Amino acid sequence: MRPLNLLHDYYTNVHPNSAVLELCGAAERDAPYSSNVDEDLTVIVNGWGRPEFLPLIWEAVQYQTRRPQETWIIQNDPDGRAAVPRTFLDRVHDGYNTRVIESGLNHGCWFRFIVAALSCRTKYVAIYDDDTLSARGALEAALSDMARKPALYGGRGIILNFSKDGPSYWEHEIHGWPAGTETPRQVDFVGHLWLLETYWLSDILRHLPDSLLSTTEPESECGEDMYLSFIAQKRDIPTFVYGHGGGTCNPSWSSIQAYEMGFHQNAMFNSGRLAKGDEYLQRFVADGWRLLRY
């Protein structure tokens, strides 16, 4: 499998950043992709709101020290704002253990979990946000924690605090990215990337909000992170941030370009979806979601 050198060329010529290349394992041009393939793992990436970053995120997955058996690309709305560059999709279609799944509509951030629930057959699935470029040891660190304690694992964890009126989406404590969490830490929900046993997703289709498949913003464009922890809890599966190791950026880091990729016009805090996120929180709590501090 010949490397495409997407990371090396981008972080050498477009936005020079030798630290990112070192953390991804792409410091040398033509550095080979990882040969350590985990037959029990599928990774899903998507270009939902920031499709220009997807080729970089895809290649960072190929450099993971535990590379997935297969990488799936979710292509929502191929003719609209979420269109992934066609030249890239054509390059990875053959010979790169990559499957492209296209939908004529943009079903928002929930669609990737539904696809995984319906089609994924490996024991584990890892699902990436469209702004999450991981260091090369991220999946191995998360899978190692999973082997010690089965749970829903992620890269950025949230513990919700409470106002006088109850749980608040606006008030929370962050673990994992960006401050670092050396050992696994239980949280209310996670983001950036999610690692879980695939069969747990069977419940996702049983408890969907009525408006889930709406294609109107912001109905389908937030809430999936809380929902995933909510349905996992129904199986008595806790949610954890995986151990990122010491320091604030190292080869186990879940997201090494979050500020650069995340501060985007389609980011949640820039797009008016925070109020909808709080609405989902209140709905899930009313339906029985138990929070750590509530």
Protein backbone atom coordinates (compact mmCIF):
# COMPACT_ATOMS: atom_id res chain seq x y z
CA MET A 1 0.00 0.00 0.00
CA ARG A 2 1.86 3.06 -1.26
CA PRO A 3 1.48 6.12 1.02
CA LEU A 4 -0.29 9.09 -0.55
CA ASN A 5 1.87 11.61 1.38
CA LEU A 6 -1.15 13.80 2.11
CA LEU A 7 -0.01 14.68 5.63
CA HIS A 8 3.63 15.13 4.68
CA ASP A 9 2.88 17.45 1.77
CA TYR A 10 0.26 19.49 3.66
CA TYR A 11 2.32 20.01 6.82
CA THR A 12 5.50 20.60 4.85
CA ASN A 13 4.28 22.90 2.08
CA VAL A 14 0.87 24.34 2.98
CA HIS A 15 0.94 24.71 6.77
CA PRO A 16 4.45 23.68 7.88
CA ASN A 17 4.31 21.84 11.19
CA SER A 18 7.03 19.29 11.90
CA ALA A 19 5.51 18.38 15.29
CA VAL A 20 2.29 17.16 13.66
CA LEU A 21 4.28 15.06 11.19
CA GLU A 22 6.29 13.46 13.99
CA LEU A 23 3.18 12.67 16.03
CA CYS A 24 1.44 11.14 13.01
CA GLY A 25 4.47 9.13 11.88
CA ALA A 26 4.72 10.99 8.57
CA ALA A 27 7.90 13.02 9.10
CA GLU A 28 9.60 11.37 6.13
CA ARG A 29 8.06 11.46 2.68
CA ASP A 30 6.90 7.98 1.64
CA ALA A 31 6.92 6.82 5.27
CA PRO A 32 5.00 3.50 5.08
CA TYR A 33 1.57 3.09 6.59
CA SER A 34 1.34 0.90 9.67
CA SER A 35 1.66 -2.83 9.02
CA ASN A 36 -0.06 -3.71 12.30
CA VAL A 37 -3.62 -4.31 11.09
CA ASP A 38 -6.28 -5.03 13.71
CA GLU A 39 -8.77 -7.42 12.13
CA ASP A 40 -11.30 -6.60 14.87
CA LEU A 41 -11.47 -2.86 14.11
CA THR A 42 -13.28 -0.66 11.60
CA VAL A 43 -12.80 3.12 11.56
CA ILE A 44 -15.41 5.53 10.21
CA VAL A 45 -14.51 9.07 9.14
CA ASN A 46 -16.73 11.69 7.55
CA GLY A 47 -16.55 15.04 5.83
CA TRP A 48 -19.80 16.38 7.22
CA GLY A 49 -19.05 20.08 7.78
CA ARG A 50 -15.31 20.26 7.07
CA PRO A 51 -14.69 17.97 4.07
CA GLU A 52 -11.38 19.64 3.20
CA PHE A 53 -9.80 17.98 6.26
CA LEU A 54 -11.03 14.45 5.59
CA PRO A 55 -8.05 13.30 3.44
CA LEU A 56 -5.66 14.27 6.26
CA ILE A 57 -7.79 12.53 8.91
CA TRP A 58 -8.06 9.42 6.72
CA GLU A 59 -4.29 9.22 6.26
CA ALA A 60 -3.63 9.71 9.99
CA VAL A 61 -5.78 6.59 10.53
CA GLN A 62 -3.53 4.64 8.13
CA TYR A 63 -0.50 5.61 10.25
CA GLN A 64 -2.10 4.36 13.50
CA THR A 65 0.03 1.80 15.34
CA ARG A 66 -3.12 -0.35 15.31
CA ARG A 67 -4.52 0.30 11.86
CA PRO A 68 -8.10 -0.80 11.18
CA GLN A 69 -9.01 -3.69 8.95
CA GLU A 70 -11.04 -1.22 6.93
CA THR A 71 -11.70 2.52 6.89
CA TRP A 72 -15.13 3.78 5.88
CA ILE A 73 -15.73 7.25 4.52
CA ILE A 74 -19.22 8.65 5.03
CA GLN A 75 -19.97 11.02 2.18
CA ASN A 76 -23.06 13.03 3.09
CA ASP A 77 -24.53 15.41 0.52
CA PRO A 78 -21.89 14.81 -2.20
CA ASP A 79 -23.04 17.80 -4.26
CA GLY A 80 -23.39 20.22 -1.34
CA ARG A 81 -21.27 21.79 1.38
CA ALA A 82 -20.17 18.42 2.76
CA ALA A 83 -18.63 17.19 -0.50
CA VAL A 84 -15.32 15.37 -0.03
CA PRO A 85 -12.87 16.03 -2.90
CA ARG A 86 -13.70 13.51 -5.64
CA THR A 87 -10.08 13.16 -6.68
CA PHE A 88 -9.28 11.85 -3.20
CA LEU A 89 -12.19 9.40 -3.15
CA ASP A 90 -11.14 8.03 -6.52
CA ARG A 91 -7.57 7.47 -5.28
CA VAL A 92 -8.51 5.47 -2.18
CA HIS A 93 -11.34 3.48 -3.73
CA ASP A 94 -9.05 0.63 -4.79
CA GLY A 95 -6.13 -0.86 -2.90
CA TYR A 96 -6.45 1.07 0.36
CA ASN A 97 -8.99 -1.05 2.29
CA THR A 98 -11.36 1.90 2.18
CA ARG A 99 -15.10 1.88 1.58
CA VAL A 100 -16.97 5.01 0.48
CA ILE A 101 -20.61 5.22 1.60
CA GLU A 102 -22.60 8.01 -0.03
CA SER A 103 -25.96 9.56 0.77
CA GLY A 104 -27.73 12.05 -1.45
CA LEU A 105 -28.82 13.98 1.63
CA ASN A 106 -26.85 15.43 4.52
CA HIS A 107 -28.23 13.61 7.55
CA GLY A 108 -25.95 15.49 9.88
CA CYS A 109 -23.68 14.04 12.53
CA TRP A 110 -25.91 11.09 13.47
CA PHE A 111 -25.71 9.23 10.15
CA ARG A 112 -22.28 7.67 10.74
CA PHE A 113 -23.55 5.89 13.88
CA ILE A 114 -26.60 4.55 12.05
CA VAL A 115 -24.38 3.24 9.23
CA ALA A 116 -22.15 1.53 11.80
CA ALA A 117 -25.15 -0.02 13.55
CA LEU A 118 -26.56 -1.41 10.30
CA SER A 119 -23.43 -2.50 8.44
CA CYS A 120 -20.30 -2.83 10.58
CA ARG A 121 -19.24 -6.43 11.30
CA THR A 122 -15.97 -6.10 13.23
CA LYS A 123 -15.91 -6.44 17.01
CA TYR A 124 -14.95 -2.78 17.51
CA VAL A 125 -15.70 0.41 15.64
CA ALA A 126 -14.02 3.78 16.07
CA ILE A 127 -15.85 6.83 14.73
CA TYR A 128 -14.08 10.13 14.14
CA ASP A 129 -15.32 13.69 14.14
CA ASP A 130 -14.59 15.76 11.05
CA ASP A 131 -12.03 17.90 12.93
CA THR A 132 -10.10 15.12 14.69
CA LEU A 133 -6.57 14.33 13.54
CA SER A 134 -5.10 11.76 15.94
CA ALA A 135 -1.51 11.03 16.84
CA ARG A 136 -0.41 7.59 15.68
CA GLY A 137 -0.90 5.83 19.05
CA ALA A 138 -4.41 7.07 19.83
CA LEU A 139 -6.35 3.98 18.78
CA GLU A 140 -3.87 1.63 20.43
CA ALA A 141 -4.17 3.54 23.72
CA ALA A 142 -7.97 3.47 23.59
CA LEU A 143 -8.07 -0.23 22.64
CA SER A 144 -5.69 -1.06 25.48
CA ASP A 145 -8.01 0.64 27.96
CA MET A 146 -10.96 -1.18 26.40
CA ALA A 147 -9.18 -4.53 26.98
CA ARG A 148 -8.79 -3.68 30.66
CA LYS A 149 -12.31 -2.32 31.17
CA PRO A 150 -15.07 -2.48 28.55
CA ALA A 151 -16.65 0.94 28.13
CA LEU A 152 -17.48 3.58 25.56
CA TYR A 153 -14.20 5.46 25.14
CA GLY A 154 -13.50 8.85 23.63
CA GLY A 155 -10.91 11.57 23.27
CA ARG A 156 -12.59 14.57 24.90
CA GLY A 157 -14.77 13.97 27.93
CA ILE A 158 -17.45 16.13 29.52
CA ILE A 159 -18.75 16.02 33.09
CA LEU A 160 -21.84 18.20 33.30
CA ASN A 161 -22.34 20.67 36.13
CA PHE A 162 -25.62 22.02 37.38
CA SER A 163 -27.34 25.34 37.70
CA LYS A 164 -30.17 26.01 40.10
CA ASP A 165 -32.52 24.71 37.40
CA GLY A 166 -30.76 21.36 36.95
CA PRO A 167 -28.19 19.98 34.49
CA SER A 168 -26.71 22.58 32.19
CA TYR A 169 -25.17 22.10 28.77
CA TRP A 170 -23.34 25.39 29.25
CA GLU A 171 -21.54 24.44 32.47
CA HIS A 172 -19.14 21.52 32.33
CA GLU A 173 -15.74 20.11 33.22
CA ILE A 174 -13.44 18.82 30.46
CA HIS A 175 -11.13 15.80 30.59
CA GLY A 176 -8.84 14.32 27.95
CA TRP A 177 -8.21 16.90 25.24
CA PRO A 178 -6.95 19.63 25.70
CA ALA A 179 -5.63 19.40 29.28
CA GLY A 180 -4.69 15.74 29.23
CA THR A 181 -5.89 12.77 31.26
CA GLU A 182 -3.05 10.40 32.06
CA THR A 183 -5.30 7.50 33.07
CA PRO A 184 -8.89 6.65 32.02
CA ARG A 185 -11.53 8.91 33.59
CA GLN A 186 -15.27 8.31 33.76
CA VAL A 187 -17.33 11.15 32.27
CA ASP A 188 -20.90 11.84 31.16
CA PHE A 189 -20.16 11.83 27.43
CA VAL A 190 -17.26 12.01 25.00
CA GLY A 191 -16.34 13.49 21.64
CA HIS A 192 -13.59 13.85 19.01
CA LEU A 193 -13.52 10.09 18.55
CA TRP A 194 -15.61 7.24 19.90
CA LEU A 195 -14.48 3.63 20.38
CA LEU A 196 -17.01 0.98 21.29
CA GLU A 197 -18.05 -2.60 20.69
CA THR A 198 -20.09 -2.63 17.51
CA TYR A 199 -22.99 -4.68 18.83
CA TRP A 200 -23.73 -2.02 21.45
CA LEU A 201 -24.96 0.16 18.59
CA SER A 202 -27.92 -2.14 18.00
CA ASP A 203 -29.81 -0.05 20.54
CA ILE A 204 -29.26 3.13 18.58
CA LEU A 205 -32.19 2.39 16.27
CA ARG A 206 -34.59 1.62 19.12
CA HIS A 207 -34.43 4.93 20.94
CA LEU A 208 -33.93 7.51 18.20
CA PRO A 209 -35.44 10.95 18.75
CA ASP A 210 -38.41 11.40 16.41
CA SER A 211 -36.61 14.16 14.56
CA LEU A 212 -33.35 12.27 14.05
CA LEU A 213 -33.47 11.89 10.30
CA SER A 214 -34.51 15.46 9.77
CA THR A 215 -32.28 17.20 7.26
CA THR A 216 -33.13 20.65 8.59
CA GLU A 217 -30.50 22.38 10.70
CA PRO A 218 -29.86 22.25 13.58
CA GLU A 219 -32.13 19.27 14.37
CA SER A 220 -29.80 16.60 12.98
CA GLU A 221 -26.53 18.40 13.65
CA CYS A 222 -25.88 17.93 17.37
CA GLY A 223 -26.74 15.71 20.33
CA GLU A 224 -25.23 12.49 19.00
CA ASP A 225 -22.42 12.53 21.59
CA MET A 226 -24.83 12.62 24.54
CA TYR A 227 -27.19 10.16 22.89
CA LEU A 228 -24.46 7.57 22.42
CA SER A 229 -23.59 7.62 26.14
CA PHE A 230 -27.29 7.59 27.01
CA ILE A 231 -27.99 4.39 25.05
CA ALA A 232 -24.75 2.77 26.27
CA GLN A 233 -25.89 3.39 29.83
CA LYS A 234 -29.06 1.42 29.07
CA ARG A 235 -26.74 -1.60 28.77
CA ASP A 236 -24.88 -0.58 31.96
CA ILE A 237 -21.90 0.47 29.84
CA PRO A 238 -20.08 3.49 31.30
CA THR A 239 -18.40 6.27 29.32
CA PHE A 240 -14.69 7.05 29.76
CA VAL A 241 -12.00 9.24 28.32
CA TYR A 242 -9.14 6.92 27.48
CA GLY A 243 -5.74 7.53 29.08
CA HIS A 244 -3.80 10.04 26.99
CA GLY A 245 -0.49 9.57 28.80
CA GLY A 246 1.61 12.30 30.37
CA GLY A 247 2.04 15.81 29.03
CA THR A 248 -0.27 17.82 26.83
CA CYS A 249 0.60 16.33 23.43
CA ASN A 250 2.17 12.92 22.78
CA PRO A 251 1.77 9.89 20.45
CA SER A 252 -1.40 8.80 22.29
CA TRP A 253 -3.12 12.16 21.86
CA SER A 254 -6.66 11.98 20.45
CA SER A 255 -6.66 15.31 18.62
CA ILE A 256 -3.50 17.19 17.70
CA GLN A 257 -5.02 19.87 15.42
CA ALA A 258 -8.32 20.54 17.17
CA TYR A 259 -7.82 24.28 17.43
CA GLU A 260 -6.74 24.58 13.81
CA MET A 261 -9.48 22.31 12.41
CA GLY A 262 -12.19 22.88 14.99
CA PHE A 263 -12.41 26.69 14.90
CA HIS A 264 -14.41 26.70 11.71
CA GLN A 265 -17.64 28.29 10.51
CA ASN A 266 -19.39 24.93 10.87
CA ALA A 267 -18.16 24.30 14.41
CA MET A 268 -20.99 23.86 16.90
CA PHE A 269 -20.21 27.01 18.88
CA ASN A 270 -20.14 29.07 15.67
CA SER A 271 -23.36 27.80 14.17
CA GLY A 272 -26.15 28.44 16.66
CA ARG A 273 -26.57 24.80 17.72
CA LEU A 274 -25.71 25.15 21.42
CA ALA A 275 -29.35 25.78 22.36
CA LYS A 276 -30.37 22.62 20.49
CA GLY A 277 -27.65 20.70 22.38
CA ASP A 278 -29.16 21.80 25.69
CA GLU A 279 -32.59 20.77 24.45
CA TYR A 280 -31.30 17.27 23.72
CA LEU A 281 -29.64 17.12 27.16
CA GLN A 282 -32.91 17.91 28.92
CA ARG A 283 -34.76 15.38 26.76
CA PHE A 284 -32.33 12.55 27.51
CA VAL A 285 -32.26 13.29 31.26
CA ALA A 286 -36.06 13.28 31.30
CA ASP A 287 -35.94 9.89 29.58
CA GLY A 288 -33.68 8.45 32.29
CA TRP A 289 -30.07 9.38 31.50
CA ARG A 290 -28.20 9.33 34.81
CA LEU A 291 -25.44 11.93 35.09
CA LEU A 292 -22.43 11.65 37.38
CA ARG A 293 -23.29 14.75 39.42
CA TYR A 294 -27.05 14.62 39.31
